[in-house]
C-alpha cells in the first residue's frame, strides 16, 4: 500500500500531466486551440449588419492562428483590439484550415454554409498563398527557376477565390494578409526578401483597383524583430497582435 501511495500514484499522475501538456502544446503549434465555426451546422441566411463590424477569417494556418501561444490568432486578437477601441463588433467567425493552399480555399468557398457566413460578414480577412509558394518548392534552399511564373499561377487561383467571395458578398471589405519572410535568419533568407516584396507588389497590382480590397502589409513586422513562434514559421502572439492592429486601423 505504501508503495502504491508513494510511487505508483505520483508516477501515474505525472504521466497523465505530460500527456495533457503534450496534447495542448501540439494543438498550439497546429493552431487548434481556437474555436472554429461548425461548418456542418446550418447557418441562418441574413445580410451583413450595417452598424456592427462583422469579421470572418479564412485561408491557411496563419488565418487559423497556428503558433499563437494563447490560441487567439488574428481572429481572437482582432476581437480584443476592436473591444479595446470601443468599436461595436461581432465575434469573428473562423473557417480557416491548417495547411490550406489556394485549391483548398476555392473548394471551401463552394460550401453553402461558407457562402452564407460570408454574406453575413462585412470584414473578410484572407490569408492564403504562403503554402503554395513556400511549401512544395521550399524556397529556403533555392528559389524556383521561374518565380514569376509560380507567382502568376498562385495569383490566378487567388483571383478565382476572390471572385467566389465577391459573388457571396459583393460589398464586403477584403483584408488580404501579405507575405513576410519567415526564413530571414537562414542562409537563404536575404535572397528571399526581394521575392517577398515582389509578391506583395503583384497582389497590389492585381487587386488594387478594387476599392474594398486592402493588402495588410506584414513584411516589415518580421524583418528586423523576432516575432516568430517556436516553429520558426508562424507569427508569435506578438506578431498576430500587430497584424490584428493593422486590420483594426482600417475601421
Protein backbone atom coordinates (compact mmCIF):
# COMPACT_ATOMS: atom_id res chain seq x y z
CA UNK A 1 0.00 0.00 0.00
CA UNK A 2 2.80 2.42 0.87
CA UNK A 3 4.46 1.68 -2.46
CA UNK A 4 1.15 2.38 -4.24
CA UNK A 5 0.74 5.71 -2.49
CA UNK A 6 4.31 6.96 -2.76
CA UNK A 7 5.38 5.57 -6.14
CA UNK A 8 2.65 4.38 -8.49
CA UNK A 9 0.11 7.13 -7.92
CA UNK A 10 2.59 10.03 -8.36
CA UNK A 11 4.12 8.39 -11.44
CA UNK A 12 0.68 7.81 -12.98
CA UNK A 13 -0.31 11.42 -12.29
CA UNK A 14 2.92 12.66 -13.86
CA UNK A 15 2.35 10.58 -17.00
CA UNK A 16 -1.18 11.93 -17.38
CA UNK A 17 0.05 15.51 -16.86
CA UNK A 18 2.75 15.12 -19.50
CA UNK A 19 0.21 13.66 -21.95
CA UNK A 20 -2.18 16.56 -21.38
CA UNK A 21 0.62 19.11 -21.77
CA UNK A 22 1.87 17.43 -24.94
CA UNK A 23 -1.60 17.37 -26.46
CA UNK A 24 -2.14 21.04 -25.66
CA UNK A 25 1.30 22.06 -26.94
CA UNK A 26 0.73 20.19 -30.20
CA UNK A 27 -2.62 21.90 -30.56
CA UNK A 28 -0.94 25.28 -30.03
CA UNK A 29 1.59 24.59 -32.77
CA UNK A 30 -1.16 23.49 -35.14
CA UNK A 31 -3.42 26.37 -34.23
CA UNK A 32 -6.14 24.03 -32.93
CA UNK A 33 -6.79 25.91 -29.70
CA UNK A 34 -9.24 28.43 -31.09
CA UNK A 35 -12.95 27.95 -31.66
CA UNK A 36 -13.65 27.40 -35.37
CA UNK A 37 -17.11 27.65 -36.89
CA UNK A 38 -19.00 24.36 -37.20
CA UNK A 39 -19.42 24.09 -40.96
CA UNK A 40 -21.77 21.12 -40.63
CA UNK A 41 -24.37 23.26 -38.87
CA UNK A 42 -26.97 25.13 -40.86
CA UNK A 43 -26.26 28.86 -41.00
CA UNK A 44 -29.17 31.26 -40.94
CA UNK A 45 -29.37 33.33 -44.11
CA UNK A 46 -29.11 37.05 -43.42
CA UNK A 47 -27.29 40.09 -44.70
CA UNK A 48 -24.24 41.66 -43.09
CA UNK A 49 -25.09 44.17 -40.35
CA UNK A 50 -24.94 47.88 -41.16
CA UNK A 51 -23.68 49.32 -37.86
CA UNK A 52 -21.59 46.45 -36.49
CA UNK A 53 -18.22 45.14 -37.66
CA UNK A 54 -18.83 41.50 -38.61
CA UNK A 55 -15.49 39.78 -39.40
CA UNK A 56 -14.81 36.39 -40.91
CA UNK A 57 -11.35 34.92 -41.42
CA UNK A 58 -10.47 32.16 -43.83
CA UNK A 59 -7.48 30.60 -45.50
CA UNK A 60 -4.48 28.75 -44.10
CA UNK A 61 -2.82 28.03 -40.74
CA UNK A 62 -1.83 31.67 -40.29
CA UNK A 63 -5.51 32.58 -40.58
CA UNK A 64 -6.29 29.76 -38.17
CA UNK A 65 -3.81 31.11 -35.61
CA UNK A 66 -1.09 28.44 -35.56
CA UNK A 67 1.86 29.41 -33.40
CA UNK A 68 -0.01 31.81 -31.11
CA UNK A 69 0.72 30.66 -27.57
CA UNK A 70 -2.69 31.94 -26.45
CA UNK A 71 -4.64 30.26 -29.26
CA UNK A 72 -6.20 33.59 -30.26
CA UNK A 73 -4.54 34.18 -33.63
CA UNK A 74 -5.64 37.05 -35.85
CA UNK A 75 -9.34 36.46 -35.21
CA UNK A 76 -9.23 36.45 -31.42
CA UNK A 77 -6.78 39.33 -31.26
CA UNK A 78 -8.86 41.36 -33.70
CA UNK A 79 -11.88 40.85 -31.44
CA UNK A 80 -9.87 42.07 -28.45
CA UNK A 81 -8.44 45.04 -30.36
CA UNK A 82 -11.86 46.20 -31.55
CA UNK A 83 -13.23 45.91 -28.00
CA UNK A 84 -10.29 47.93 -26.68
CA UNK A 85 -11.06 50.68 -29.18
CA UNK A 86 -14.74 50.69 -28.29
CA UNK A 87 -15.77 49.54 -31.78
CA UNK A 88 -19.02 47.59 -31.85
CA UNK A 89 -18.20 44.24 -33.42
CA UNK A 90 -19.48 40.72 -33.60
CA UNK A 91 -17.13 37.89 -32.68
CA UNK A 92 -15.00 36.79 -35.64
CA UNK A 93 -16.05 33.66 -37.50
CA UNK A 94 -13.01 31.48 -38.26
CA UNK A 95 -13.27 28.94 -41.08
CA UNK A 96 -9.54 28.70 -41.79
CA UNK A 97 -7.90 25.29 -42.33
CA UNK A 98 -4.37 24.37 -41.32
CA UNK A 99 -2.16 23.66 -44.33
CA UNK A 100 -4.64 25.08 -46.84
CA UNK A 101 -3.47 26.08 -50.28
CA UNK A 102 -5.36 28.03 -52.90
CA UNK A 103 -7.22 24.98 -54.35
CA UNK A 104 -8.41 24.12 -50.83
CA UNK A 105 -9.77 27.63 -50.32
CA UNK A 106 -11.51 27.57 -53.69
CA UNK A 107 -13.22 24.29 -52.74
CA UNK A 108 -14.19 25.62 -49.29
CA UNK A 109 -15.83 28.66 -50.86
CA UNK A 110 -18.23 26.38 -52.75
CA UNK A 111 -19.79 25.19 -49.49
CA UNK A 112 -23.26 26.71 -48.95
CA UNK A 113 -22.65 27.36 -45.25
CA UNK A 114 -19.45 29.25 -46.00
CA UNK A 115 -21.27 31.34 -48.60
CA UNK A 116 -23.95 32.16 -46.02
CA UNK A 117 -21.33 33.13 -43.43
CA UNK A 118 -19.63 35.36 -45.99
CA UNK A 119 -22.95 37.03 -46.78
CA UNK A 120 -23.37 37.79 -43.06
CA UNK A 121 -19.92 39.40 -42.78
CA UNK A 122 -18.64 42.82 -43.78
CA UNK A 123 -14.93 42.37 -42.97
CA UNK A 124 -13.40 39.37 -44.75
CA UNK A 125 -9.84 38.53 -43.68
CA UNK A 126 -7.97 36.19 -46.03
CA UNK A 127 -4.56 34.55 -45.63
CA UNK A 128 -3.64 32.23 -48.48
CA UNK A 129 -0.79 31.62 -50.91
CA UNK A 130 2.08 31.11 -48.48
CA UNK A 131 1.82 27.32 -48.61
CA UNK A 132 1.63 27.42 -52.41
CA UNK A 133 4.84 29.46 -52.59
CA UNK A 134 6.87 28.04 -49.70
CA UNK A 135 5.51 24.53 -49.22
CA UNK A 136 6.33 22.46 -52.28
CA UNK A 137 9.35 24.41 -53.52
CA UNK A 138 10.98 25.04 -50.13
CA UNK A 139 12.42 28.40 -51.16
CA UNK A 140 14.64 28.34 -48.07
CA UNK A 141 17.21 26.44 -50.12
CA UNK A 142 16.68 27.85 -53.59
CA UNK A 143 14.04 29.81 -55.43
CA UNK A 144 12.30 28.03 -58.34
CA UNK A 145 13.78 28.60 -61.82
CA UNK A 146 10.94 30.98 -62.75
CA UNK A 147 9.50 32.65 -59.62
CA UNK A 148 7.29 34.97 -61.69
CA UNK A 149 5.57 32.00 -63.34
CA UNK A 150 4.95 30.36 -59.97
CA UNK A 151 3.52 33.61 -58.59
CA UNK A 152 1.30 34.04 -61.65
CA UNK A 153 -0.24 30.60 -61.13
CA UNK A 154 -0.94 31.30 -57.47
CA UNK A 155 -2.38 34.74 -58.29
CA UNK A 156 -4.75 33.21 -60.84
CA UNK A 157 -6.13 30.86 -58.19
CA UNK A 158 -6.41 33.69 -55.66
CA UNK A 159 -8.35 35.68 -58.24
CA UNK A 160 -10.74 32.73 -58.61
CA UNK A 161 -11.17 32.67 -54.83
CA UNK A 162 -11.78 36.43 -54.65
CA UNK A 163 -14.40 36.11 -57.39
CA UNK A 164 -16.25 33.49 -55.32
CA UNK A 165 -16.08 35.74 -52.26
CA UNK A 166 -17.45 38.63 -54.31
CA UNK A 167 -20.35 36.52 -55.59
CA UNK A 168 -21.29 35.71 -52.00
CA UNK A 169 -20.70 39.26 -50.76
CA UNK A 170 -20.21 41.96 -53.41
CA UNK A 171 -19.71 44.83 -50.95
CA UNK A 172 -17.70 43.27 -48.11
CA UNK A 173 -14.25 44.66 -47.34
CA UNK A 174 -11.48 42.16 -48.00
CA UNK A 175 -8.34 42.34 -45.87
CA UNK A 176 -5.71 40.18 -47.57
CA UNK A 177 -2.68 39.29 -45.44
CA UNK A 178 0.58 39.99 -47.26
CA UNK A 179 3.60 37.73 -47.04
CA UNK A 180 6.55 38.14 -44.72
CA UNK A 181 9.87 36.30 -44.90
CA UNK A 182 9.84 33.55 -42.24
CA UNK A 183 13.34 32.44 -43.28
CA UNK A 184 15.07 35.78 -42.75
CA UNK A 185 17.58 34.22 -40.32
CA UNK A 186 18.50 31.32 -42.62
CA UNK A 187 21.42 31.37 -45.11
CA UNK A 188 18.96 31.95 -47.98
CA UNK A 189 16.94 34.49 -46.03
CA UNK A 190 18.26 37.73 -47.51
CA UNK A 191 17.77 36.42 -51.05
CA UNK A 192 14.10 35.80 -50.37
CA UNK A 193 13.34 39.39 -49.36
CA UNK A 194 13.09 40.66 -52.98
CA UNK A 195 10.74 37.76 -53.83
CA UNK A 196 8.52 38.52 -50.84
CA UNK A 197 8.42 42.19 -51.84
CA UNK A 198 7.65 41.25 -55.43
CA UNK A 199 4.78 39.00 -54.34
CA UNK A 200 3.20 41.74 -52.25
CA UNK A 201 3.63 44.21 -55.11
CA UNK A 202 1.94 41.83 -57.52
CA UNK A 203 -1.00 41.44 -55.14
CA UNK A 204 -1.47 45.21 -55.20
CA UNK A 205 -1.11 45.32 -58.97
CA UNK A 206 -3.67 42.57 -59.37
CA UNK A 207 -6.34 43.71 -56.91
CA UNK A 208 -5.54 47.38 -56.34
CA UNK A 209 -8.45 48.57 -58.48
CA UNK A 210 -10.92 47.05 -56.01
CA UNK A 211 -11.72 49.85 -53.56
CA UNK A 212 -12.83 47.26 -50.99
CA UNK A 213 -9.55 45.30 -51.16
CA UNK A 214 -6.87 46.13 -48.58
CA UNK A 215 -3.46 44.48 -48.56
CA UNK A 216 -2.36 44.13 -44.95
CA UNK A 217 1.41 44.52 -45.08
CA UNK A 218 3.31 42.26 -42.68
CA UNK A 219 6.84 42.04 -44.12
CA UNK A 220 8.17 44.93 -42.05
CA UNK A 221 6.77 43.44 -38.83
CA UNK A 222 9.16 40.49 -39.08
CA UNK A 223 12.12 41.93 -40.99
CA UNK A 224 14.04 43.36 -38.03
CA UNK A 225 12.34 41.82 -35.00
CA UNK A 226 12.00 38.18 -33.99
CA UNK A 227 8.23 37.84 -33.81
CA UNK A 228 8.03 34.22 -34.93
CA UNK A 229 6.60 31.34 -32.92
CA UNK A 230 8.69 28.44 -31.71
CA UNK A 231 8.03 26.64 -35.00
CA UNK A 232 10.03 29.45 -36.72
CA UNK A 233 7.39 29.85 -39.41
CA UNK A 234 4.16 31.26 -37.98
CA UNK A 235 3.84 34.52 -36.04
CA UNK A 236 4.09 34.54 -32.29
CA UNK A 237 1.35 36.11 -30.21
CA UNK A 238 3.03 39.49 -30.59
CA UNK A 239 3.15 39.08 -34.37
CA UNK A 240 -0.53 38.20 -34.54
CA UNK A 241 -1.42 41.15 -32.30
CA UNK A 242 0.38 43.56 -34.64
CA UNK A 243 -1.36 42.11 -37.72
CA UNK A 244 -4.74 42.42 -36.00
CA UNK A 245 -3.91 46.00 -35.04
CA UNK A 246 -3.25 46.90 -38.68
CA UNK A 247 -6.61 45.48 -39.70
CA UNK A 248 -8.34 47.38 -36.88
CA UNK A 249 -6.66 50.62 -38.03
CA UNK A 250 -8.79 50.46 -41.18
CA UNK A 251 -12.12 50.68 -39.33
